[in-house]
Amino acid sequence: MAKLEETLSGNFNQILNKIETGILQGSISASLEASSDFVAGSARCSVRVFERFSYLGGNRLSMSVTLFQNNEGPIHLCAVTSGGSQALFFKINTFGEEAFLDKLREIL
């Protein structure tokens, strides 16, 4: 598992769209597996779960991206990757997870 947390400024919808487009166009095997959007009063939260094939690891891995904003405050992003390990009892070869996060860093 690898994790990225950032505080962003800008338009919530534009940032979300840029992330979705960038991830899906950034890898031929990338797909959007699930999405969810919540609004409660002036707070909003969007969750996106992406998957892609890791050629280095020889398996599929996922990345969950959550954006949260209250009122017109800063936008909080949390991205977590998982599934890149090949071992049974401990994690080895997590390069694919970091590479997936690196693509998100590039987009941001």
PDB file of N, CA and C in Angstrom:
ATOM      1  N   MET A   1       0.841  -1.173   0.000  1.00  0.00           N
ATOM      2  CA  MET A   1       0.000   0.000   0.000  1.00  0.00           C
ATOM      3  C   MET A   1       0.882   1.231   0.000  1.00  0.00           C
ATOM      4  N   ALA A   2       0.479   2.210  -0.785  1.00  0.00           N
ATOM      5  CA  ALA A   2       1.149   3.508  -0.811  1.00  0.00           C
ATOM      6  C   ALA A   2       0.072   4.571  -0.688  1.00  0.00           C
ATOM      7  N   LYS A   3       0.421   5.714  -0.105  1.00  0.00           N
ATOM      8  CA  LYS A   3      -0.581   6.744   0.156  1.00  0.00           C
ATOM      9  C   LYS A   3      -0.040   8.119  -0.196  1.00  0.00           C
ATOM     10  N   LEU A   4      -0.913   8.969  -0.712  1.00  0.00           N
ATOM     11  CA  LEU A   4      -0.603  10.360  -1.019  1.00  0.00           C
ATOM     12  C   LEU A   4      -1.707  11.221  -0.428  1.00  0.00           C
ATOM     13  N   GLU A   5      -1.327  12.242   0.331  1.00  0.00           N
ATOM     14  CA  GLU A   5      -2.288  13.208   0.865  1.00  0.00           C
ATOM     15  C   GLU A   5      -1.826  14.599   0.475  1.00  0.00           C
ATOM     16  N   GLU A   6      -2.756  15.396  -0.044  1.00  0.00           N
ATOM     17  CA  GLU A   6      -2.453  16.753  -0.496  1.00  0.00           C
ATOM     18  C   GLU A   6      -3.604  17.674  -0.129  1.00  0.00           C
ATOM     19  N   THR A   7      -3.291  18.954   0.002  1.00  0.00           N
ATOM     20  CA  THR A   7      -4.294  19.991   0.135  1.00  0.00           C
ATOM     21  C   THR A   7      -4.203  20.845  -1.118  1.00  0.00           C
ATOM     22  N   LEU A   8      -5.325  20.986  -1.811  1.00  0.00           N
ATOM     23  CA  LEU A   8      -5.352  21.654  -3.108  1.00  0.00           C
ATOM     24  C   LEU A   8      -6.255  22.876  -3.059  1.00  0.00           C
ATOM     25  N   SER A   9      -6.047  23.763  -3.999  1.00  0.00           N
ATOM     26  CA  SER A   9      -6.967  24.887  -4.175  1.00  0.00           C
ATOM     27  C   SER A   9      -7.399  24.896  -5.628  1.00  0.00           C
ATOM     28  N   GLY A  10      -8.574  25.430  -5.873  1.00  0.00           N
ATOM     29  CA  GLY A  10      -9.100  25.474  -7.230  1.00  0.00           C
ATOM     30  C   GLY A  10     -10.543  25.032  -7.249  1.00  0.00           C
ATOM     31  N   ASN A  11     -11.026  24.734  -8.440  1.00  0.00           N
ATOM     32  CA  ASN A  11     -12.401  24.315  -8.642  1.00  0.00           C
ATOM     33  C   ASN A  11     -12.512  22.806  -8.437  1.00  0.00           C
ATOM     34  N   PHE A  12     -13.358  22.392  -7.519  1.00  0.00           N
ATOM     35  CA  PHE A  12     -13.523  20.980  -7.158  1.00  0.00           C
ATOM     36  C   PHE A  12     -13.818  20.119  -8.387  1.00  0.00           C
ATOM     37  N   ASN A  13     -14.807  20.529  -9.184  1.00  0.00           N
ATOM     38  CA  ASN A  13     -15.204  19.740 -10.353  1.00  0.00           C
ATOM     39  C   ASN A  13     -14.091  19.650 -11.388  1.00  0.00           C
ATOM     40  N   GLN A  14     -13.372  20.738 -11.596  1.00  0.00           N
ATOM     41  CA  GLN A  14     -12.274  20.722 -12.564  1.00  0.00           C
ATOM     42  C   GLN A  14     -11.149  19.804 -12.109  1.00  0.00           C
ATOM     43  N   ILE A  15     -10.827  19.831 -10.824  1.00  0.00           N
ATOM     44  CA  ILE A  15      -9.770  18.954 -10.295  1.00  0.00           C
ATOM     45  C   ILE A  15     -10.194  17.492 -10.433  1.00  0.00           C
ATOM     46  N   LEU A  16     -11.429  17.186 -10.059  1.00  0.00           N
ATOM     47  CA  LEU A  16     -11.928  15.819 -10.168  1.00  0.00           C
ATOM     48  C   LEU A  16     -11.892  15.336 -11.622  1.00  0.00           C
ATOM     49  N   ASN A  17     -12.338  16.174 -12.538  1.00  0.00           N
ATOM     50  CA  ASN A  17     -12.340  15.820 -13.958  1.00  0.00           C
ATOM     51  C   ASN A  17     -10.912  15.616 -14.472  1.00  0.00           C
ATOM     52  N   LYS A  18      -9.992  16.461 -14.048  1.00  0.00           N
ATOM     53  CA  LYS A  18      -8.597  16.346 -14.470  1.00  0.00           C
ATOM     54  C   LYS A  18      -7.986  15.027 -13.979  1.00  0.00           C
ATOM     55  N   ILE A  19      -8.309  14.637 -12.755  1.00  0.00           N
ATOM     56  CA  ILE A  19      -7.815  13.370 -12.205  1.00  0.00           C
ATOM     57  C   ILE A  19      -8.383  12.198 -12.996  1.00  0.00           C
ATOM     58  N   GLU A  20      -9.705  12.181 -13.191  1.00  0.00           N
ATOM     59  CA  GLU A  20     -10.341  11.079 -13.932  1.00  0.00           C
ATOM     60  C   GLU A  20      -9.755  10.952 -15.339  1.00  0.00           C
ATOM     61  N   THR A  21      -9.713  12.048 -16.056  1.00  0.00           N
ATOM     62  CA  THR A  21      -9.204  12.040 -17.431  1.00  0.00           C
ATOM     63  C   THR A  21      -7.742  11.640 -17.474  1.00  0.00           C
ATOM     64  N   GLY A  22      -6.935  12.214 -16.590  1.00  0.00           N
ATOM     65  CA  GLY A  22      -5.502  11.932 -16.583  1.00  0.00           C
ATOM     66  C   GLY A  22      -5.178  10.482 -16.277  1.00  0.00           C
ATOM     67  N   ILE A  23      -5.868   9.900 -15.312  1.00  0.00           N
ATOM     68  CA  ILE A  23      -5.617   8.491 -14.957  1.00  0.00           C
ATOM     69  C   ILE A  23      -6.060   7.574 -16.092  1.00  0.00           C
ATOM     70  N   LEU A  24      -7.250   7.809 -16.632  1.00  0.00           N
ATOM     71  CA  LEU A  24      -7.777   6.930 -17.672  1.00  0.00           C
ATOM     72  C   LEU A  24      -6.995   7.036 -18.981  1.00  0.00           C
ATOM     73  N   GLN A  25      -6.478   8.217 -19.281  1.00  0.00           N
ATOM     74  CA  GLN A  25      -5.693   8.383 -20.506  1.00  0.00           C
ATOM     75  C   GLN A  25      -4.214   8.073 -20.289  1.00  0.00           C
ATOM     76  N   GLY A  26      -3.816   7.910 -19.039  1.00  0.00           N
ATOM     77  CA  GLY A  26      -2.414   7.701 -18.712  1.00  0.00           C
ATOM     78  C   GLY A  26      -1.948   6.265 -18.819  1.00  0.00           C
ATOM     79  N   SER A  27      -2.871   5.330 -18.982  1.00  0.00           N
ATOM     80  CA  SER A  27      -2.518   3.915 -19.089  1.00  0.00           C
ATOM     81  C   SER A  27      -3.564   3.214 -19.931  1.00  0.00           C
ATOM     82  N   ILE A  28      -3.121   2.403 -20.855  1.00  0.00           N
ATOM     83  CA  ILE A  28      -4.054   1.689 -21.733  1.00  0.00           C
ATOM     84  C   ILE A  28      -4.923   0.706 -20.949  1.00  0.00           C
ATOM     85  N   SER A  29      -4.430   0.244 -19.793  1.00  0.00           N
ATOM     86  CA  SER A  29      -5.181  -0.738 -19.014  1.00  0.00           C
ATOM     87  C   SER A  29      -5.978  -0.119 -17.865  1.00  0.00           C
ATOM     88  N   ALA A  30      -5.926   1.217 -17.721  1.00  0.00           N
ATOM     89  CA  ALA A  30      -6.624   1.872 -16.612  1.00  0.00           C
ATOM     90  C   ALA A  30      -8.134   1.879 -16.837  1.00  0.00           C
ATOM     91  N   SER A  31      -8.870   1.679 -15.742  1.00  0.00           N
ATOM     92  CA  SER A  31     -10.327   1.730 -15.796  1.00  0.00           C
ATOM     93  C   SER A  31     -10.857   2.357 -14.512  1.00  0.00           C
ATOM     94  N   LEU A  32     -12.021   2.975 -14.621  1.00  0.00           N
ATOM     95  CA  LEU A  32     -12.719   3.502 -13.456  1.00  0.00           C
ATOM     96  C   LEU A  32     -13.673   2.407 -12.995  1.00  0.00           C
ATOM     97  N   GLU A  33     -13.414   1.833 -11.829  1.00  0.00           N
ATOM     98  CA  GLU A  33     -14.186   0.687 -11.333  1.00  0.00           C
ATOM     99  C   GLU A  33     -15.423   1.093 -10.551  1.00  0.00           C
ATOM    100  N   ALA A  34     -15.338   2.205  -9.826  1.00  0.00           N
ATOM    101  CA  ALA A  34     -16.475   2.656  -9.026  1.00  0.00           C
ATOM    102  C   ALA A  34     -16.322   4.133  -8.718  1.00  0.00           C
ATOM    103  N   SER A  35     -17.448   4.781  -8.478  1.00  0.00           N
ATOM    104  CA  SER A  35     -17.421   6.189  -8.083  1.00  0.00           C
ATOM    105  C   SER A  35     -18.598   6.471  -7.169  1.00  0.00           C
ATOM    106  N   SER A  36     -18.423   7.480  -6.321  1.00  0.00           N
ATOM    107  CA  SER A  36     -19.485   7.885  -5.425  1.00  0.00           C
ATOM    108  C   SER A  36     -19.303   9.356  -5.080  1.00  0.00           C
ATOM    109  N   ASP A  37     -20.402  10.074  -4.978  1.00  0.00           N
ATOM    110  CA  ASP A  37     -20.372  11.499  -4.651  1.00  0.00           C
ATOM    111  C   ASP A  37     -21.383  11.778  -3.550  1.00  0.00           C
ATOM    112  N   PHE A  38     -20.955  12.558  -2.565  1.00  0.00           N
ATOM    113  CA  PHE A  38     -21.805  12.917  -1.436  1.00  0.00           C
ATOM    114  C   PHE A  38     -21.826  14.430  -1.281  1.00  0.00           C
ATOM    115  N   VAL A  39     -22.968  14.967  -0.909  1.00  0.00           N
ATOM    116  CA  VAL A  39     -23.100  16.374  -0.552  1.00  0.00           C
ATOM    117  C   VAL A  39     -23.916  16.417   0.728  1.00  0.00           C
ATOM    118  N   ALA A  40     -23.406  17.146   1.722  1.00  0.00           N
ATOM    119  CA  ALA A  40     -24.129  17.345   2.978  1.00  0.00           C
ATOM    120  C   ALA A  40     -23.970  18.803   3.373  1.00  0.00           C
ATOM    121  N   GLY A  41     -25.014  19.578   3.205  1.00  0.00           N
ATOM    122  CA  GLY A  41     -24.912  21.005   3.463  1.00  0.00           C
ATOM    123  C   GLY A  41     -23.934  21.632   2.482  1.00  0.00           C
ATOM    124  N   SER A  42     -22.895  22.230   3.017  1.00  0.00           N
ATOM    125  CA  SER A  42     -21.897  22.875   2.153  1.00  0.00           C
ATOM    126  C   SER A  42     -20.646  22.015   1.978  1.00  0.00           C
ATOM    127  N   ALA A  43     -20.686  20.772   2.464  1.00  0.00           N
ATOM    128  CA  ALA A  43     -19.542  19.867   2.316  1.00  0.00           C
ATOM    129  C   ALA A  43     -19.810  18.900   1.178  1.00  0.00           C
ATOM    130  N   ARG A  44     -18.731  18.546   0.484  1.00  0.00           N
ATOM    131  CA  ARG A  44     -18.861  17.564  -0.595  1.00  0.00           C
ATOM    132  C   ARG A  44     -17.675  16.623  -0.585  1.00  0.00           C
ATOM    133  N   CYS A  45     -17.938  15.406  -1.016  1.00  0.00           N
ATOM    134  CA  CYS A  45     -16.916  14.368  -1.029  1.00  0.00           C
ATOM    135  C   CYS A  45     -17.119  13.508  -2.275  1.00  0.00           C
ATOM    136  N   SER A  46     -16.044  13.252  -2.998  1.00  0.00           N
ATOM    137  CA  SER A  46     -16.085  12.378  -4.170  1.00  0.00           C
ATOM    138  C   SER A  46     -15.035  11.295  -4.010  1.00  0.00           C
ATOM    139  N   VAL A  47     -15.445  10.064  -4.314  1.00  0.00           N
ATOM    140  CA  VAL A  47     -14.542   8.911  -4.223  1.00  0.00           C
ATOM    141  C   VAL A  47     -14.496   8.253  -5.598  1.00  0.00           C
ATOM    142  N   ARG A  48     -13.267   7.955  -6.062  1.00  0.00           N
ATOM    143  CA  ARG A  48     -13.073   7.253  -7.322  1.00  0.00           C
ATOM    144  C   ARG A  48     -12.125   6.086  -7.079  1.00  0.00           C
ATOM    145  N   VAL A  49     -12.460   4.924  -7.642  1.00  0.00           N
ATOM    146  CA  VAL A  49     -11.594   3.751  -7.534  1.00  0.00           C
ATOM    147  C   VAL A  49     -11.180   3.350  -8.946  1.00  0.00           C
ATOM    148  N   PHE A  50      -9.880   3.405  -9.187  1.00  0.00           N
ATOM    149  CA  PHE A  50      -9.307   3.061 -10.481  1.00  0.00           C
ATOM    150  C   PHE A  50      -8.550   1.748 -10.373  1.00  0.00           C
ATOM    151  N   GLU A  51      -8.439   1.044 -11.492  1.00  0.00           N
ATOM    152  CA  GLU A  51      -7.600  -0.147 -11.570  1.00  0.00           C
ATOM    153  C   GLU A  51      -6.742  -0.051 -12.812  1.00  0.00           C
ATOM    154  N   ARG A  52      -5.591  -0.696 -12.754  1.00  0.00           N
ATOM    155  CA  ARG A  52      -4.759  -0.824 -13.945  1.00  0.00           C
ATOM    156  C   ARG A  52      -3.859  -2.036 -13.795  1.00  0.00           C
ATOM    157  N   PHE A  53      -3.319  -2.482 -14.895  1.00  0.00           N
ATOM    158  CA  PHE A  53      -2.390  -3.599 -14.884  1.00  0.00           C
ATOM    159  C   PHE A  53      -0.984  -3.072 -14.658  1.00  0.00           C
ATOM    160  N   SER A  54      -0.238  -3.723 -13.771  1.00  0.00           N
ATOM    161  CA  SER A  54       1.155  -3.372 -13.516  1.00  0.00           C
ATOM    162  C   SER A  54       2.044  -4.364 -14.258  1.00  0.00           C
ATOM    163  N   TYR A  55       2.681  -3.891 -15.319  1.00  0.00           N
ATOM    164  CA  TYR A  55       3.553  -4.777 -16.099  1.00  0.00           C
ATOM    165  C   TYR A  55       4.734  -5.245 -15.257  1.00  0.00           C
ATOM    166  N   LEU A  56       5.250  -4.362 -14.418  1.00  0.00           N
ATOM    167  CA  LEU A  56       6.384  -4.716 -13.572  1.00  0.00           C
ATOM    168  C   LEU A  56       6.012  -5.807 -12.577  1.00  0.00           C
ATOM    169  N   GLY A  57       4.840  -5.682 -11.962  1.00  0.00           N
ATOM    170  CA  GLY A  57       4.404  -6.666 -10.975  1.00  0.00           C
ATOM    171  C   GLY A  57       3.664  -7.843 -11.572  1.00  0.00           C
ATOM    172  N   GLY A  58       3.195  -7.695 -12.804  1.00  0.00           N
ATOM    173  CA  GLY A  58       2.463  -8.774 -13.446  1.00  0.00           C
ATOM    174  C   GLY A  58       1.077  -9.006 -12.844  1.00  0.00           C
ATOM    175  N   ASN A  59       0.474  -7.947 -12.298  1.00  0.00           N
ATOM    176  CA  ASN A  59      -0.843  -8.087 -11.690  1.00  0.00           C
ATOM    177  C   ASN A  59      -1.617  -6.775 -11.808  1.00  0.00           C
ATOM    178  N   ARG A  60      -2.881  -6.813 -11.398  1.00  0.00           N
ATOM    179  CA  ARG A  60      -3.678  -5.584 -11.381  1.00  0.00           C
ATOM    180  C   ARG A  60      -3.583  -4.955 -10.004  1.00  0.00           C
ATOM    181  N   LEU A  61      -3.668  -3.639  -9.980  1.00  0.00           N
ATOM    182  CA  LEU A  61      -3.672  -2.930  -8.705  1.00  0.00           C
ATOM    183  C   LEU A  61      -4.707  -1.829  -8.769  1.00  0.00           C
ATOM    184  N   SER A  62      -5.101  -1.359  -7.605  1.00  0.00           N
ATOM    185  CA  SER A  62      -6.148  -0.347  -7.536  1.00  0.00           C
ATOM    186  C   SER A  62      -5.638   0.920  -6.860  1.00  0.00           C
ATOM    187  N   MET A  63      -6.331   2.021  -7.154  1.00  0.00           N
ATOM    188  CA  MET A  63      -6.060   3.287  -6.482  1.00  0.00           C
ATOM    189  C   MET A  63      -7.401   3.934  -6.155  1.00  0.00           C
ATOM    190  N   SER A  64      -7.602   4.210  -4.880  1.00  0.00           N
ATOM    191  CA  SER A  64      -8.793   4.926  -4.427  1.00  0.00           C
ATOM    192  C   SER A  64      -8.413   6.385  -4.216  1.00  0.00           C
ATOM    193  N   VAL A  65      -9.187   7.277  -4.805  1.00  0.00           N
ATOM    194  CA  VAL A  65      -8.930   8.716  -4.690  1.00  0.00           C
ATOM    195  C   VAL A  65     -10.151   9.357  -4.058  1.00  0.00           C
ATOM    196  N   THR A  66      -9.942  10.084  -2.965  1.00  0.00           N
ATOM    197  CA  THR A  66     -11.013  10.795  -2.276  1.00  0.00           C
ATOM    198  C   THR A  66     -10.707  12.282  -2.277  1.00  0.00           C
ATOM    199  N   LEU A  67     -11.688  13.085  -2.701  1.00  0.00           N
ATOM    200  CA  LEU A  67     -11.608  14.541  -2.609  1.00  0.00           C
ATOM    201  C   LEU A  67     -12.683  15.003  -1.637  1.00  0.00           C
ATOM    202  N   PHE A  68     -12.321  15.944  -0.754  1.00  0.00           N
ATOM    203  CA  PHE A  68     -13.274  16.471   0.221  1.00  0.00           C
ATOM    204  C   PHE A  68     -13.110  17.975   0.296  1.00  0.00           C
ATOM    205  N   GLN A  69     -14.237  18.698   0.320  1.00  0.00           N
ATOM    206  CA  GLN A  69     -14.210  20.153   0.474  1.00  0.00           C
ATOM    207  C   GLN A  69     -15.397  20.585   1.319  1.00  0.00           C
ATOM    208  N   ASN A  70     -15.152  21.496   2.249  1.00  0.00           N
ATOM    209  CA  ASN A  70     -16.203  22.089   3.070  1.00  0.00           C
ATOM    210  C   ASN A  70     -16.295  23.567   2.709  1.00  0.00           C
ATOM    211  N   ASN A  71     -17.514  24.014   2.391  1.00  0.00           N
ATOM    212  CA  ASN A  71     -17.727  25.384   1.919  1.00  0.00           C
ATOM    213  C   ASN A  71     -16.826  25.648   0.721  1.00  0.00           C
ATOM    214  N   GLU A  72     -16.156  26.759   0.724  1.00  0.00           N
ATOM    215  CA  GLU A  72     -15.206  27.103  -0.347  1.00  0.00           C
ATOM    216  C   GLU A  72     -13.776  26.940   0.151  1.00  0.00           C
ATOM    217  N   GLY A  73     -13.596  26.138   1.182  1.00  0.00           N
ATOM    218  CA  GLY A  73     -12.274  25.912   1.768  1.00  0.00           C
ATOM    219  C   GLY A  73     -11.377  25.089   0.868  1.00  0.00           C
ATOM    220  N   PRO A  74     -10.221  24.727   1.392  1.00  0.00           N
ATOM    221  CA  PRO A  74      -9.288  23.922   0.595  1.00  0.00           C
ATOM    222  C   PRO A  74      -9.868  22.544   0.277  1.00  0.00           C
ATOM    223  N   ILE A  75      -9.363  21.961  -0.775  1.00  0.00           N
ATOM    224  CA  ILE A  75      -9.788  20.628  -1.199  1.00  0.00           C
ATOM    225  C   ILE A  75      -8.757  19.637  -0.668  1.00  0.00           C
ATOM    226  N   HIS A  76      -9.221  18.666   0.073  1.00  0.00           N
ATOM    227  CA  HIS A  76      -8.333  17.650   0.637  1.00  0.00           C
ATOM    228  C   HIS A  76      -8.393  16.408  -0.243  1.00  0.00           C
ATOM    229  N   LEU A  77      -7.228  15.904  -0.602  1.00  0.00           N
ATOM    230  CA  LEU A  77      -7.121  14.709  -1.433  1.00  0.00           C
ATOM    231  C   LEU A  77      -6.407  13.627  -0.654  1.00  0.00           C
ATOM    232  N   CYS A  78      -6.932  12.427  -0.721  1.00  0.00           N
ATOM    233  CA  CYS A  78      -6.254  11.248  -0.189  1.00  0.00           C
ATOM    234  C   CYS A  78      -6.336  10.161  -1.249  1.00  0.00           C
ATOM    235  N   ALA A  79      -5.183   9.636  -1.650  1.00  0.00           N
ATOM    236  CA  ALA A  79      -5.126   8.554  -2.634  1.00  0.00           C
ATOM    237  C   ALA A  79      -4.371   7.393  -2.020  1.00  0.00           C
ATOM    238  N   VAL A  80      -4.938   6.195  -2.151  1.00  0.00           N
ATOM    239  CA  VAL A  80      -4.341   4.983  -1.592  1.00  0.00           C
ATOM    240  C   VAL A  80      -4.314   3.921  -2.687  1.00  0.00           C
ATOM    241  N   THR A  81      -3.141   3.327  -2.889  1.00  0.00           N
ATOM    242  CA  THR A  81      -3.016   2.238  -3.852  1.00  0.00           C
ATOM    243  C   THR A  81      -2.891   0.919  -3.103  1.00  0.00           C
ATOM    244  N   SER A  82      -3.301  -0.155  -3.766  1.00  0.00           N
ATOM    245  CA  SER A  82      -3.236  -1.466  -3.145  1.00  0.00           C
ATOM    246  C   SER A  82      -3.231  -2.539  -4.222  1.00  0.00           C
ATOM    247  N   GLY A  83      -2.724  -3.710  -3.858  1.00  0.00           N
ATOM    248  CA  GLY A  83      -2.778  -4.856  -4.745  1.00  0.00           C
ATOM    249  C   GLY A  83      -1.525  -5.115  -5.542  1.00  0.00           C
ATOM    250  N   GLY A  84      -0.479  -4.349  -5.320  1.00  0.00           N
ATOM    251  CA  GLY A  84       0.726  -4.504  -6.119  1.00  0.00           C
ATOM    252  C   GLY A  84       1.699  -5.542  -5.619  1.00  0.00           C
ATOM    253  N   SER A  85       1.433  -6.149  -4.485  1.00  0.00           N
ATOM    254  CA  SER A  85       2.373  -7.110  -3.917  1.00  0.00           C
ATOM    255  C   SER A  85       2.133  -8.505  -4.467  1.00  0.00           C
ATOM    256  N   GLN A  86       3.198  -9.290  -4.522  1.00  0.00           N
ATOM    257  CA  GLN A  86       3.087 -10.657  -5.022  1.00  0.00           C
ATOM    258  C   GLN A  86       3.280 -11.701  -3.929  1.00  0.00           C
ATOM    259  N   ALA A  87       3.614 -11.300  -2.734  1.00  0.00           N
ATOM    260  CA  ALA A  87       3.918 -12.257  -1.671  1.00  0.00           C
ATOM    261  C   ALA A  87       2.646 -12.690  -0.938  1.00  0.00           C
ATOM    262  N   LEU A  88       2.736 -13.825  -0.262  1.00  0.00           N
ATOM    263  CA  LEU A  88       1.586 -14.359   0.462  1.00  0.00           C
ATOM    264  C   LEU A  88       1.447 -13.740   1.848  1.00  0.00           C
ATOM    265  N   PHE A  89       2.545 -13.614   2.589  1.00  0.00           N
ATOM    266  CA  PHE A  89       2.477 -13.155   3.976  1.00  0.00           C
ATOM    267  C   PHE A  89       3.074 -11.778   4.222  1.00  0.00           C
ATOM    268  N   PHE A  90       3.824 -11.229   3.292  1.00  0.00           N
ATOM    269  CA  PHE A  90       4.399  -9.899   3.466  1.00  0.00           C
ATOM    270  C   PHE A  90       4.485  -9.244   2.099  1.00  0.00           C
ATOM    271  N   LYS A  91       4.674  -7.930   2.098  1.00  0.00           N
ATOM    272  CA  LYS A  91       4.636  -7.182   0.841  1.00  0.00           C
ATOM    273  C   LYS A  91       6.020  -7.103   0.211  1.00  0.00           C
ATOM    274  N   ILE A  92       6.091  -7.514  -1.042  1.00  0.00           N
ATOM    275  CA  ILE A  92       7.282  -7.304  -1.848  1.00  0.00           C
ATOM    276  C   ILE A  92       6.839  -6.751  -3.194  1.00  0.00           C
ATOM    277  N   ASN A  93       7.743  -6.089  -3.884  1.00  0.00           N
ATOM    278  CA  ASN A  93       7.473  -5.561  -5.218  1.00  0.00           C
ATOM    279  C   ASN A  93       6.253  -4.643  -5.229  1.00  0.00           C
ATOM    280  N   THR A  94       6.346  -3.540  -4.536  1.00  0.00           N
ATOM    281  CA  THR A  94       5.257  -2.559  -4.524  1.00  0.00           C
ATOM    282  C   THR A  94       5.546  -1.407  -5.488  1.00  0.00           C
ATOM    283  N   PHE A  95       6.435  -1.635  -6.455  1.00  0.00           N
ATOM    284  CA  PHE A  95       6.804  -0.591  -7.412  1.00  0.00           C
ATOM    285  C   PHE A  95       5.592  -0.107  -8.214  1.00  0.00           C
ATOM    286  N   GLY A  96       4.699  -1.013  -8.573  1.00  0.00           N
ATOM    287  CA  GLY A  96       3.517  -0.643  -9.346  1.00  0.00           C
ATOM    288  C   GLY A  96       2.617   0.317  -8.595  1.00  0.00           C
ATOM    289  N   GLU A  97       2.480   0.119  -7.288  1.00  0.00           N
ATOM    290  CA  GLU A  97       1.657   1.012  -6.466  1.00  0.00           C
ATOM    291  C   GLU A  97       2.232   2.419  -6.464  1.00  0.00           C
ATOM    292  N   GLU A  98       3.541   2.528  -6.276  1.00  0.00           N
ATOM    293  CA  GLU A  98       4.190   3.845  -6.283  1.00  0.00           C
ATOM    294  C   GLU A  98       4.092   4.497  -7.658  1.00  0.00           C
ATOM    295  N   ALA A  99       4.222   3.704  -8.714  1.00  0.00           N
ATOM    296  CA  ALA A  99       4.130   4.242 -10.073  1.00  0.00           C
ATOM    297  C   ALA A  99       2.722   4.792 -10.345  1.00  0.00           C
ATOM    298  N   PHE A 100       1.695   4.126  -9.813  1.00  0.00           N
ATOM    299  CA  PHE A 100       0.322   4.605  -9.978  1.00  0.00           C
ATOM    300  C   PHE A 100       0.159   5.954  -9.279  1.00  0.00           C
ATOM    301  N   LEU A 101       0.696   6.077  -8.071  1.00  0.00           N
ATOM    302  CA  LEU A 101       0.651   7.358  -7.358  1.00  0.00           C
ATOM    303  C   LEU A 101       1.470   8.418  -8.071  1.00  0.00           C
ATOM    304  N   ASP A 102       2.598   8.026  -8.669  1.00  0.00           N
ATOM    305  CA  ASP A 102       3.419   8.988  -9.412  1.00  0.00           C
ATOM    306  C   ASP A 102       2.635   9.588 -10.567  1.00  0.00           C
ATOM    307  N   LYS A 103       1.797   8.778 -11.221  1.00  0.00           N
ATOM    308  CA  LYS A 103       0.948   9.307 -12.303  1.00  0.00           C
ATOM    309  C   LYS A 103      -0.003  10.344 -11.762  1.00  0.00           C
ATOM    310  N   LEU A 104      -0.590  10.103 -10.584  1.00  0.00           N
ATOM    311  CA  LEU A 104      -1.489  11.092  -9.972  1.00  0.00           C
ATOM    312  C   LEU A 104      -0.715  12.355  -9.599  1.00  0.00           C
ATOM    313  N   ARG A 105       0.481  12.210  -9.050  1.00  0.00           N
ATOM    314  CA  ARG A 105       1.310  13.377  -8.724  1.00  0.00           C
ATOM    315  C   ARG A 105       1.554  14.230  -9.963  1.00  0.00           C
ATOM    316  N   GLU A 106       1.840  13.565 -11.067  1.00  0.00           N
ATOM    317  CA  GLU A 106       2.083  14.248 -12.342  1.00  0.00           C
ATOM    318  C   GLU A 106       0.850  15.034 -12.785  1.00  0.00           C
ATOM    319  N   ILE A 107      -0.328  14.457 -12.611  1.00  0.00           N
ATOM    320  CA  ILE A 107      -1.580  15.098 -12.998  1.00  0.00           C
ATOM    321  C   ILE A 107      -1.838  16.331 -12.129  1.00  0.00           C
ATOM    322  N   LEU A 108      -1.559  16.211 -10.841  1.00  0.00           N
ATOM    323  CA  LEU A 108      -1.803  17.313  -9.919  1.00  0.00           C
ATOM    324  C   LEU A 108      -0.838  18.453 -10.155  1.00  0.00           C
TER     325      LEU A 108
END
